[in-house]
Amino acid sequence: MTSIRVADGLDGPAESAPTPVDPGRLDRRARRLAGVLLCLILLVIAVIVFWPGPPDPDGQTALRSYLERGHRHGLPRWIDYDLVQNLSNVVMFVPIGLLGALALYRRNYLIVIYAGLASGLIELVQLVLLPSRVASWQDITANSVGAFVGLLCATPALRRRRKRRRRYLQGRRSAADSPRRAARAARL
């Protein structure tokens, strides 16, 4: 005959399911961190784009000569200085799209519009106040494309955030509420 022992609290506290962690609190922390990183990146980009002259004229000359040497040794001719410059404008705005989408609470897609407007403002300032800089529509387009690529990179995290919040509101626990994760959070 087997006996079933009832937990009466005499042997210590009974194991209870961890209380679900409000994903809103986790999201606020993550959004704040993304916002701080976004501000740092915006500061670096502001220094780059508002510098009175091209950031590194010698580097641009070196890049042109490097590409010419590459063309002589088999690098396709379509990989030229303009392509590298446009791709660098795209890459420069990918973190803005990524971190901006993660920092915004709702309507994350607006980061692409904000980035396009900011890029237009940058080009306007370069046109009016910085005569040694060249303003172009291509830069605005490339920067907007970079912000869009960053938004696309943020999409899985945004979906996970929405799913976690929906599960929490329905009263169901999610993987974020596992005993292992709760124990890890308690150690911190």
N, C-alpha and C. Protein backbone atom coordinates (compact mmCIF):
# COMPACT_ATOMS: atom_id res chain seq x y z
N MET A 1 0.84 -1.16 0.00
CA MET A 1 0.00 0.00 0.00
C MET A 1 0.90 1.23 0.00
N THR A 2 0.63 2.13 -0.93
CA THR A 2 1.43 3.34 -1.01
C THR A 2 0.66 4.46 -0.34
N SER A 3 1.41 5.29 0.29
CA SER A 3 0.77 6.42 0.96
C SER A 3 1.10 7.70 0.20
N ILE A 4 0.12 8.55 0.14
CA ILE A 4 0.30 9.84 -0.51
C ILE A 4 0.50 10.86 0.58
N ARG A 5 1.55 11.58 0.47
CA ARG A 5 1.88 12.57 1.48
C ARG A 5 1.34 13.93 1.05
N VAL A 6 0.61 14.55 1.88
CA VAL A 6 0.02 15.85 1.59
C VAL A 6 0.95 16.91 2.15
N ALA A 7 1.20 17.90 1.30
CA ALA A 7 2.06 18.99 1.74
C ALA A 7 1.27 19.86 2.70
N ASP A 8 1.70 19.86 3.96
CA ASP A 8 0.99 20.67 4.95
C ASP A 8 1.80 21.86 5.41
N GLY A 9 2.93 22.09 4.76
CA GLY A 9 3.73 23.25 5.11
C GLY A 9 4.72 22.98 6.22
N LEU A 10 4.71 21.75 6.79
CA LEU A 10 5.62 21.46 7.89
C LEU A 10 7.03 21.16 7.39
N ASP A 11 7.11 20.64 6.20
CA ASP A 11 8.42 20.28 5.66
C ASP A 11 9.09 21.45 4.94
N GLY A 12 8.51 22.60 4.94
CA GLY A 12 9.07 23.76 4.23
C GLY A 12 8.04 24.26 3.23
N PRO A 13 8.37 25.31 2.59
CA PRO A 13 7.42 25.87 1.64
C PRO A 13 7.22 24.95 0.45
N ALA A 14 5.99 24.83 0.05
CA ALA A 14 5.67 24.01 -1.11
C ALA A 14 6.10 24.76 -2.37
N GLU A 15 6.49 23.98 -3.36
CA GLU A 15 6.87 24.57 -4.64
C GLU A 15 5.61 25.15 -5.28
N SER A 16 5.69 26.38 -5.66
CA SER A 16 4.55 26.98 -6.35
C SER A 16 5.02 27.45 -7.72
N ALA A 17 4.06 27.56 -8.60
CA ALA A 17 4.39 28.02 -9.94
C ALA A 17 4.83 29.48 -9.86
N PRO A 18 5.85 29.83 -10.59
CA PRO A 18 6.30 31.21 -10.55
C PRO A 18 5.20 32.13 -11.09
N THR A 19 5.13 33.28 -10.49
CA THR A 19 4.14 34.23 -10.98
C THR A 19 4.61 34.75 -12.32
N PRO A 20 3.69 34.86 -13.26
CA PRO A 20 4.10 35.33 -14.58
C PRO A 20 4.69 36.74 -14.49
N VAL A 21 5.76 36.93 -15.21
CA VAL A 21 6.40 38.24 -15.25
C VAL A 21 5.65 39.08 -16.28
N ASP A 22 5.28 40.28 -15.88
CA ASP A 22 4.56 41.15 -16.80
C ASP A 22 5.47 41.49 -17.98
N PRO A 23 5.11 41.07 -19.18
CA PRO A 23 5.96 41.37 -20.32
C PRO A 23 6.07 42.86 -20.60
N GLY A 24 5.10 43.63 -20.13
CA GLY A 24 5.18 45.08 -20.31
C GLY A 24 6.40 45.65 -19.61
N ARG A 25 6.70 45.11 -18.41
CA ARG A 25 7.87 45.57 -17.67
C ARG A 25 9.16 45.18 -18.39
N LEU A 26 9.19 43.97 -18.91
CA LEU A 26 10.36 43.54 -19.68
C LEU A 26 10.52 44.38 -20.94
N ASP A 27 9.38 44.66 -21.58
CA ASP A 27 9.43 45.45 -22.81
C ASP A 27 9.91 46.87 -22.55
N ARG A 28 9.48 47.46 -21.43
CA ARG A 28 9.93 48.82 -21.12
C ARG A 28 11.44 48.87 -20.95
N ARG A 29 11.97 47.86 -20.27
CA ARG A 29 13.43 47.81 -20.08
C ARG A 29 14.15 47.67 -21.42
N ALA A 30 13.64 46.78 -22.25
CA ALA A 30 14.25 46.56 -23.56
C ALA A 30 14.12 47.80 -24.44
N ARG A 31 12.97 48.46 -24.39
CA ARG A 31 12.78 49.69 -25.18
C ARG A 31 13.71 50.80 -24.70
N ARG A 32 13.90 50.90 -23.40
CA ARG A 32 14.82 51.92 -22.88
C ARG A 32 16.24 51.67 -23.36
N LEU A 33 16.68 50.42 -23.27
CA LEU A 33 18.02 50.07 -23.73
C LEU A 33 18.18 50.36 -25.22
N ALA A 34 17.17 49.98 -26.01
CA ALA A 34 17.22 50.27 -27.45
C ALA A 34 17.25 51.77 -27.69
N GLY A 35 16.52 52.54 -26.89
CA GLY A 35 16.51 54.00 -27.03
C GLY A 35 17.86 54.61 -26.71
N VAL A 36 18.51 54.11 -25.68
CA VAL A 36 19.84 54.63 -25.31
C VAL A 36 20.85 54.32 -26.42
N LEU A 37 20.83 53.07 -26.91
CA LEU A 37 21.74 52.71 -28.00
C LEU A 37 21.44 53.52 -29.26
N LEU A 38 20.16 53.76 -29.52
CA LEU A 38 19.77 54.56 -30.68
C LEU A 38 20.31 55.99 -30.56
N CYS A 39 20.23 56.56 -29.38
CA CYS A 39 20.76 57.92 -29.17
C CYS A 39 22.27 57.96 -29.40
N LEU A 40 22.98 56.95 -28.94
CA LEU A 40 24.43 56.90 -29.17
C LEU A 40 24.76 56.80 -30.65
N ILE A 41 24.02 55.97 -31.36
CA ILE A 41 24.26 55.82 -32.80
C ILE A 41 23.92 57.11 -33.54
N LEU A 42 22.82 57.75 -33.13
CA LEU A 42 22.45 59.02 -33.76
C LEU A 42 23.51 60.08 -33.53
N LEU A 43 24.13 60.07 -32.37
CA LEU A 43 25.20 61.02 -32.09
C LEU A 43 26.39 60.78 -33.02
N VAL A 44 26.77 59.53 -33.19
CA VAL A 44 27.89 59.21 -34.08
C VAL A 44 27.55 59.60 -35.52
N ILE A 45 26.34 59.30 -35.95
CA ILE A 45 25.94 59.64 -37.32
C ILE A 45 25.89 61.15 -37.50
N ALA A 46 25.43 61.88 -36.48
CA ALA A 46 25.39 63.35 -36.58
C ALA A 46 26.80 63.91 -36.77
N VAL A 47 27.77 63.36 -36.07
CA VAL A 47 29.15 63.83 -36.24
C VAL A 47 29.62 63.55 -37.66
N ILE A 48 29.28 62.37 -38.18
CA ILE A 48 29.72 62.01 -39.53
C ILE A 48 29.09 62.92 -40.58
N VAL A 49 27.76 63.10 -40.51
CA VAL A 49 27.07 63.81 -41.60
C VAL A 49 27.18 65.33 -41.49
N PHE A 50 27.42 65.87 -40.30
CA PHE A 50 27.51 67.32 -40.18
C PHE A 50 28.95 67.81 -40.10
N TRP A 51 29.92 66.94 -40.35
CA TRP A 51 31.31 67.35 -40.40
C TRP A 51 31.46 68.29 -41.59
N PRO A 52 32.19 69.39 -41.44
CA PRO A 52 32.24 70.40 -42.51
C PRO A 52 32.67 69.87 -43.88
N GLY A 53 33.57 68.94 -43.90
CA GLY A 53 34.02 68.38 -45.17
C GLY A 53 33.76 66.89 -45.17
N PRO A 54 34.14 66.22 -46.25
CA PRO A 54 34.02 64.76 -46.24
C PRO A 54 34.79 64.19 -45.06
N PRO A 55 34.25 63.18 -44.40
CA PRO A 55 34.88 62.67 -43.17
C PRO A 55 36.36 62.30 -43.32
N ASP A 56 36.72 61.68 -44.44
CA ASP A 56 38.12 61.30 -44.63
C ASP A 56 38.45 61.38 -46.12
N PRO A 57 38.85 62.55 -46.60
CA PRO A 57 39.15 62.68 -48.03
C PRO A 57 40.24 61.72 -48.49
N ASP A 58 41.26 61.51 -47.64
CA ASP A 58 42.32 60.57 -48.02
C ASP A 58 41.79 59.15 -48.11
N GLY A 59 40.87 58.81 -47.23
CA GLY A 59 40.27 57.48 -47.26
C GLY A 59 39.44 57.28 -48.52
N GLN A 60 38.76 58.34 -48.97
CA GLN A 60 37.98 58.24 -50.21
C GLN A 60 38.90 58.06 -51.40
N THR A 61 40.02 58.77 -51.40
CA THR A 61 41.00 58.60 -52.47
C THR A 61 41.59 57.20 -52.43
N ALA A 62 41.87 56.71 -51.25
CA ALA A 62 42.41 55.36 -51.11
C ALA A 62 41.40 54.31 -51.57
N LEU A 63 40.12 54.53 -51.27
CA LEU A 63 39.08 53.59 -51.71
C LEU A 63 38.99 53.58 -53.22
N ARG A 64 39.04 54.75 -53.84
CA ARG A 64 38.99 54.81 -55.30
C ARG A 64 40.18 54.06 -55.92
N SER A 65 41.37 54.26 -55.39
CA SER A 65 42.55 53.57 -55.95
C SER A 65 42.48 52.07 -55.67
N TYR A 66 41.96 51.69 -54.52
CA TYR A 66 41.79 50.26 -54.21
C TYR A 66 40.84 49.60 -55.20
N LEU A 67 39.73 50.29 -55.50
CA LEU A 67 38.77 49.74 -56.46
C LEU A 67 39.38 49.66 -57.86
N GLU A 68 40.17 50.65 -58.23
CA GLU A 68 40.83 50.62 -59.55
C GLU A 68 41.79 49.43 -59.65
N ARG A 69 42.57 49.21 -58.59
CA ARG A 69 43.47 48.04 -58.57
C ARG A 69 42.66 46.75 -58.66
N GLY A 70 41.53 46.72 -57.94
CA GLY A 70 40.67 45.54 -58.00
C GLY A 70 40.10 45.32 -59.39
N HIS A 71 39.73 46.38 -60.08
CA HIS A 71 39.21 46.24 -61.44
C HIS A 71 40.28 45.69 -62.38
N ARG A 72 41.52 46.10 -62.18
CA ARG A 72 42.60 45.57 -63.01
C ARG A 72 42.85 44.09 -62.74
N HIS A 73 42.49 43.61 -61.54
CA HIS A 73 42.74 42.22 -61.19
C HIS A 73 41.48 41.36 -61.22
N GLY A 74 40.42 41.85 -61.85
CA GLY A 74 39.25 41.00 -62.05
C GLY A 74 38.00 41.38 -61.27
N LEU A 75 38.06 42.41 -60.48
CA LEU A 75 36.85 42.85 -59.77
C LEU A 75 35.86 43.39 -60.80
N PRO A 76 34.62 42.97 -60.75
CA PRO A 76 33.65 43.45 -61.76
C PRO A 76 33.55 44.97 -61.74
N ARG A 77 33.39 45.55 -62.93
CA ARG A 77 33.35 47.01 -63.07
C ARG A 77 32.11 47.63 -62.41
N TRP A 78 31.05 46.83 -62.21
CA TRP A 78 29.85 47.41 -61.60
C TRP A 78 30.04 47.69 -60.12
N ILE A 79 31.08 47.13 -59.53
CA ILE A 79 31.42 47.47 -58.14
C ILE A 79 32.33 48.69 -58.20
N ASP A 80 31.73 49.84 -58.06
CA ASP A 80 32.48 51.08 -58.18
C ASP A 80 32.29 51.93 -56.91
N TYR A 81 32.90 53.10 -56.94
CA TYR A 81 32.88 53.98 -55.78
C TYR A 81 31.45 54.39 -55.41
N ASP A 82 30.62 54.68 -56.41
CA ASP A 82 29.24 55.10 -56.13
C ASP A 82 28.45 53.98 -55.46
N LEU A 83 28.65 52.74 -55.90
CA LEU A 83 27.96 51.61 -55.27
C LEU A 83 28.38 51.46 -53.81
N VAL A 84 29.67 51.56 -53.55
CA VAL A 84 30.17 51.44 -52.18
C VAL A 84 29.63 52.57 -51.32
N GLN A 85 29.58 53.78 -51.86
CA GLN A 85 29.05 54.91 -51.11
C GLN A 85 27.57 54.73 -50.81
N ASN A 86 26.78 54.27 -51.79
CA ASN A 86 25.36 54.05 -51.55
C ASN A 86 25.13 52.93 -50.54
N LEU A 87 25.91 51.86 -50.65
CA LEU A 87 25.76 50.77 -49.68
C LEU A 87 26.15 51.22 -48.28
N SER A 88 27.14 52.11 -48.18
CA SER A 88 27.51 52.60 -46.85
C SER A 88 26.40 53.46 -46.26
N ASN A 89 25.67 54.20 -47.11
CA ASN A 89 24.52 54.95 -46.62
C ASN A 89 23.40 54.02 -46.15
N VAL A 90 23.22 52.92 -46.85
CA VAL A 90 22.22 51.93 -46.41
C VAL A 90 22.64 51.34 -45.07
N VAL A 91 23.88 50.90 -44.98
CA VAL A 91 24.37 50.25 -43.75
C VAL A 91 24.36 51.22 -42.57
N MET A 92 24.60 52.49 -42.81
CA MET A 92 24.63 53.47 -41.73
C MET A 92 23.26 53.61 -41.07
N PHE A 93 22.17 53.41 -41.81
CA PHE A 93 20.84 53.59 -41.25
C PHE A 93 20.16 52.29 -40.83
N VAL A 94 20.79 51.13 -41.05
CA VAL A 94 20.21 49.87 -40.58
C VAL A 94 20.06 49.86 -39.05
N PRO A 95 21.07 50.27 -38.27
CA PRO A 95 20.88 50.28 -36.81
C PRO A 95 19.78 51.24 -36.37
N ILE A 96 19.59 52.32 -37.10
CA ILE A 96 18.52 53.25 -36.74
C ILE A 96 17.17 52.57 -36.91
N GLY A 97 16.99 51.87 -38.02
CA GLY A 97 15.73 51.15 -38.23
C GLY A 97 15.52 50.05 -37.22
N LEU A 98 16.57 49.31 -36.91
CA LEU A 98 16.47 48.21 -35.95
C LEU A 98 16.17 48.72 -34.55
N LEU A 99 17.01 49.59 -34.05
CA LEU A 99 16.85 50.08 -32.68
C LEU A 99 15.63 50.98 -32.54
N GLY A 100 15.33 51.76 -33.58
CA GLY A 100 14.15 52.61 -33.53
C GLY A 100 12.88 51.79 -33.46
N ALA A 101 12.81 50.71 -34.23
CA ALA A 101 11.63 49.85 -34.18
C ALA A 101 11.50 49.19 -32.82
N LEU A 102 12.60 48.80 -32.22
CA LEU A 102 12.56 48.17 -30.90
C LEU A 102 12.25 49.19 -29.81
N ALA A 103 12.62 50.44 -30.01
CA ALA A 103 12.39 51.46 -28.98
C ALA A 103 10.96 52.00 -29.01
N LEU A 104 10.33 51.98 -30.17
CA LEU A 104 8.96 52.48 -30.25
C LEU A 104 7.99 51.46 -29.66
N TYR A 105 6.95 51.96 -29.01
CA TYR A 105 5.98 51.07 -28.37
C TYR A 105 5.00 50.51 -29.39
N ARG A 106 4.43 51.38 -30.17
CA ARG A 106 3.49 50.97 -31.20
C ARG A 106 3.87 51.66 -32.50
N ARG A 107 3.28 51.19 -33.57
CA ARG A 107 3.51 51.76 -34.90
C ARG A 107 5.01 51.83 -35.21
N ASN A 108 5.65 50.69 -35.07
CA ASN A 108 7.09 50.61 -35.27
C ASN A 108 7.51 50.97 -36.68
N TYR A 109 6.62 50.82 -37.63
CA TYR A 109 6.94 51.12 -39.02
C TYR A 109 7.24 52.61 -39.23
N LEU A 110 6.81 53.46 -38.30
CA LEU A 110 7.04 54.90 -38.45
C LEU A 110 8.53 55.25 -38.42
N ILE A 111 9.36 54.34 -37.92
CA ILE A 111 10.78 54.63 -37.86
C ILE A 111 11.35 54.85 -39.26
N VAL A 112 10.79 54.17 -40.27
CA VAL A 112 11.26 54.34 -41.64
C VAL A 112 10.93 55.75 -42.13
N ILE A 113 9.74 56.23 -41.80
CA ILE A 113 9.34 57.59 -42.18
C ILE A 113 10.20 58.61 -41.45
N TYR A 114 10.40 58.40 -40.14
CA TYR A 114 11.25 59.32 -39.37
C TYR A 114 12.67 59.35 -39.92
N ALA A 115 13.19 58.19 -40.27
CA ALA A 115 14.56 58.13 -40.82
C ALA A 115 14.63 58.84 -42.17
N GLY A 116 13.61 58.68 -43.00
CA GLY A 116 13.58 59.39 -44.28
C GLY A 116 13.53 60.90 -44.10
N LEU A 117 12.70 61.34 -43.13
CA LEU A 117 12.62 62.78 -42.86
C LEU A 117 13.94 63.31 -42.29
N ALA A 118 14.54 62.55 -41.39
CA ALA A 118 15.83 62.96 -40.82
C ALA A 118 16.90 63.01 -41.92
N SER A 119 16.87 62.05 -42.82
CA SER A 119 17.84 62.06 -43.91
C SER A 119 17.62 63.26 -44.82
N GLY A 120 16.35 63.60 -45.07
CA GLY A 120 16.06 64.81 -45.87
C GLY A 120 16.58 66.06 -45.19
N LEU A 121 16.41 66.12 -43.85
CA LEU A 121 16.92 67.27 -43.10
C LEU A 121 18.45 67.33 -43.17
N ILE A 122 19.09 66.19 -43.07
CA ILE A 122 20.55 66.13 -43.18
C ILE A 122 21.00 66.67 -44.53
N GLU A 123 20.35 66.21 -45.59
CA GLU A 123 20.74 66.66 -46.93
C GLU A 123 20.46 68.15 -47.12
N LEU A 124 19.39 68.65 -46.54
CA LEU A 124 19.09 70.08 -46.63
C LEU A 124 20.16 70.91 -45.92
N VAL A 125 20.56 70.46 -44.74
CA VAL A 125 21.62 71.17 -44.00
C VAL A 125 22.92 71.12 -44.79
N GLN A 126 23.23 69.97 -45.37
CA GLN A 126 24.45 69.88 -46.17
C GLN A 126 24.39 70.79 -47.38
N LEU A 127 23.23 70.93 -47.98
CA LEU A 127 23.07 71.78 -49.16
C LEU A 127 23.22 73.25 -48.81
N VAL A 128 22.60 73.66 -47.69
CA VAL A 128 22.55 75.08 -47.35
C VAL A 128 23.76 75.53 -46.54
N LEU A 129 24.16 74.76 -45.55
CA LEU A 129 25.18 75.22 -44.61
C LEU A 129 26.58 74.63 -44.81
N LEU A 130 26.69 73.55 -45.54
CA LEU A 130 27.99 72.90 -45.70
C LEU A 130 28.35 72.83 -47.18
N PRO A 131 28.94 73.88 -47.71
CA PRO A 131 29.19 73.94 -49.16
C PRO A 131 30.17 72.87 -49.66
N SER A 132 31.02 72.35 -48.82
CA SER A 132 31.96 71.33 -49.29
C SER A 132 31.36 69.93 -49.29
N ARG A 133 30.13 69.80 -48.79
CA ARG A 133 29.43 68.51 -48.82
C ARG A 133 28.46 68.49 -49.99
N VAL A 134 28.13 67.31 -50.47
CA VAL A 134 27.23 67.16 -51.60
C VAL A 134 25.93 66.55 -51.11
N ALA A 135 24.82 67.24 -51.36
CA ALA A 135 23.50 66.73 -51.00
C ALA A 135 22.92 66.01 -52.21
N SER A 136 22.26 64.87 -51.96
CA SER A 136 21.68 64.14 -53.09
C SER A 136 20.43 63.37 -52.65
N TRP A 137 19.55 63.17 -53.62
CA TRP A 137 18.34 62.38 -53.38
C TRP A 137 18.71 60.91 -53.17
N GLN A 138 19.80 60.49 -53.79
CA GLN A 138 20.24 59.10 -53.63
C GLN A 138 20.53 58.77 -52.17
N ASP A 139 21.12 59.72 -51.46
CA ASP A 139 21.43 59.48 -50.05
C ASP A 139 20.14 59.31 -49.23
N ILE A 140 19.14 60.14 -49.54
CA ILE A 140 17.87 60.02 -48.81
C ILE A 140 17.25 58.65 -49.07
N THR A 141 17.27 58.23 -50.33
CA THR A 141 16.71 56.92 -50.67
C THR A 141 17.49 55.80 -50.00
N ALA A 142 18.81 55.87 -50.07
CA ALA A 142 19.64 54.82 -49.48
C ALA A 142 19.45 54.76 -47.96
N ASN A 143 19.38 55.91 -47.31
CA ASN A 143 19.16 55.93 -45.87
C ASN A 143 17.80 55.36 -45.50
N SER A 144 16.77 55.67 -46.29
CA SER A 144 15.43 55.13 -46.03
C SER A 144 15.41 53.61 -46.23
N VAL A 145 16.09 53.15 -47.25
CA VAL A 145 16.18 51.70 -47.47
C VAL A 145 16.90 51.03 -46.29
N GLY A 146 17.95 51.67 -45.79
CA GLY A 146 18.66 51.11 -44.63
C GLY A 146 17.77 51.04 -43.41
N ALA A 147 16.96 52.06 -43.17
CA ALA A 147 16.03 52.03 -42.03
C ALA A 147 14.99 50.94 -42.22
N PHE A 148 14.55 50.72 -43.46
CA PHE A 148 13.58 49.66 -43.74
C PHE A 148 14.19 48.29 -43.50
N VAL A 149 15.43 48.10 -43.91
CA VAL A 149 16.13 46.83 -43.66
C VAL A 149 16.26 46.60 -42.15
N GLY A 150 16.56 47.66 -41.39
CA GLY A 150 16.63 47.53 -39.93
C GLY A 150 15.28 47.15 -39.34
N LEU A 151 14.21 47.73 -39.86
CA LEU A 151 12.86 47.36 -39.40
C LEU A 151 12.59 45.89 -39.69
N LEU A 152 12.98 45.43 -40.87
CA LEU A 152 12.79 44.01 -41.19
C LEU A 152 13.59 43.11 -40.25
N CYS A 153 14.78 43.55 -39.87
CA CYS A 153 15.59 42.77 -38.92
C CYS A 153 14.95 42.73 -37.54
N ALA A 154 14.20 43.76 -37.18
CA ALA A 154 13.55 43.83 -35.87
C ALA A 154 12.24 43.06 -35.83
N THR A 155 11.70 42.69 -36.98
CA THR A 155 10.38 42.06 -37.04
C THR A 155 10.25 40.80 -36.18
N PRO A 156 11.20 39.86 -36.19
CA PRO A 156 11.04 38.69 -35.31
C PRO A 156 10.93 39.05 -33.83
N ALA A 157 11.73 39.99 -33.38
CA ALA A 157 11.66 40.40 -31.97
C ALA A 157 10.33 41.08 -31.67
N LEU A 158 9.83 41.88 -32.61
CA LEU A 158 8.55 42.55 -32.40
C LEU A 158 7.41 41.54 -32.35
N ARG A 159 7.46 40.52 -33.21
CA ARG A 159 6.44 39.46 -33.17
C ARG A 159 6.48 38.71 -31.85
N ARG A 160 7.69 38.40 -31.40
CA ARG A 160 7.84 37.68 -30.13
C ARG A 160 7.29 38.53 -28.98
N ARG A 161 7.54 39.82 -29.02
CA ARG A 161 7.04 40.73 -28.00
C ARG A 161 5.51 40.73 -27.97
N ARG A 162 4.88 40.82 -29.15
CA ARG A 162 3.42 40.81 -29.22
C ARG A 162 2.84 39.49 -28.73
N LYS A 163 3.47 38.39 -29.12
CA LYS A 163 2.98 37.06 -28.73
C LYS A 163 3.08 36.89 -27.22
N ARG A 164 4.20 37.32 -26.64
CA ARG A 164 4.38 37.20 -25.19
C ARG A 164 3.33 38.03 -24.45
N ARG A 165 3.06 39.23 -24.94
CA ARG A 165 2.07 40.09 -24.30
C ARG A 165 0.67 39.49 -24.42
N ARG A 166 0.34 38.94 -25.60
CA ARG A 166 -0.98 38.32 -25.80
C ARG A 166 -1.17 37.12 -24.88
N ARG A 167 -0.14 36.29 -24.76
CA ARG A 167 -0.23 35.12 -23.87
C ARG A 167 -0.40 35.56 -22.42
N TYR A 168 0.28 36.61 -22.03
CA TYR A 168 0.17 37.12 -20.66
C TYR A 168 -1.25 37.63 -20.39
N LEU A 169 -1.81 38.37 -21.34
CA LEU A 169 -3.15 38.90 -21.16
C LEU A 169 -4.21 37.80 -21.13
N GLN A 170 -3.95 36.68 -21.78
CA GLN A 170 -4.87 35.56 -21.76
C GLN A 170 -4.70 34.71 -20.50
N GLY A 171 -3.70 35.03 -19.70
CA GLY A 171 -3.47 34.29 -18.47
C GLY A 171 -2.63 33.05 -18.64
N ARG A 172 -2.09 32.85 -19.81
CA ARG A 172 -1.26 31.68 -20.05
C ARG A 172 0.20 32.04 -19.81
N ARG A 173 0.93 31.09 -19.27
CA ARG A 173 2.36 31.31 -19.06
C ARG A 173 3.09 31.13 -20.37
N SER A 174 4.18 31.80 -20.50
CA SER A 174 5.01 31.65 -21.69
C SER A 174 6.37 31.11 -21.29
N ALA A 175 7.21 30.91 -22.27
CA ALA A 175 8.55 30.40 -21.99
C ALA A 175 9.32 31.35 -21.09
N ALA A 176 8.97 32.62 -21.13
CA ALA A 176 9.66 33.60 -20.30
C ALA A 176 9.34 33.40 -18.83
N ASP A 177 8.28 32.65 -18.54
CA ASP A 177 7.87 32.43 -17.16
C ASP A 177 8.28 31.05 -16.63
N SER A 178 9.20 30.39 -17.29
CA SER A 178 9.60 29.06 -16.87
C SER A 178 10.33 29.13 -15.53
N PRO A 179 10.26 28.05 -14.73
CA PRO A 179 10.96 28.05 -13.44
C PRO A 179 12.45 28.30 -13.59
N ARG A 180 13.05 27.78 -14.64
CA ARG A 180 14.48 27.98 -14.85
C ARG A 180 14.80 29.46 -15.05
N ARG A 181 14.00 30.13 -15.87
CA ARG A 181 14.23 31.55 -16.12
C ARG A 181 13.94 32.36 -14.86
N ALA A 182 12.91 31.98 -14.10
CA ALA A 182 12.60 32.71 -12.86
C ALA A 182 13.73 32.55 -11.86
N ALA A 183 14.34 31.36 -11.79
CA ALA A 183 15.46 31.14 -10.88
C ALA A 183 16.66 31.98 -11.31
N ARG A 184 16.88 32.06 -12.61
CA ARG A 184 18.00 32.86 -13.12
C ARG A 184 17.77 34.34 -12.78
N ALA A 185 16.55 34.81 -12.95
CA ALA A 185 16.23 36.21 -12.64
C ALA A 185 16.39 36.49 -11.15
N ALA A 186 16.07 35.49 -10.31
CA ALA A 186 16.20 35.67 -8.87
C ALA A 186 17.67 35.78 -8.45
N ARG A 187 18.54 35.12 -9.16
CA ARG A 187 19.97 35.18 -8.85
C ARG A 187 20.57 36.54 -9.17
N LEU A 188 19.98 37.25 -10.13
CA LEU A 188 20.54 38.54 -10.54
C LEU A 188 20.26 39.53 -9.51
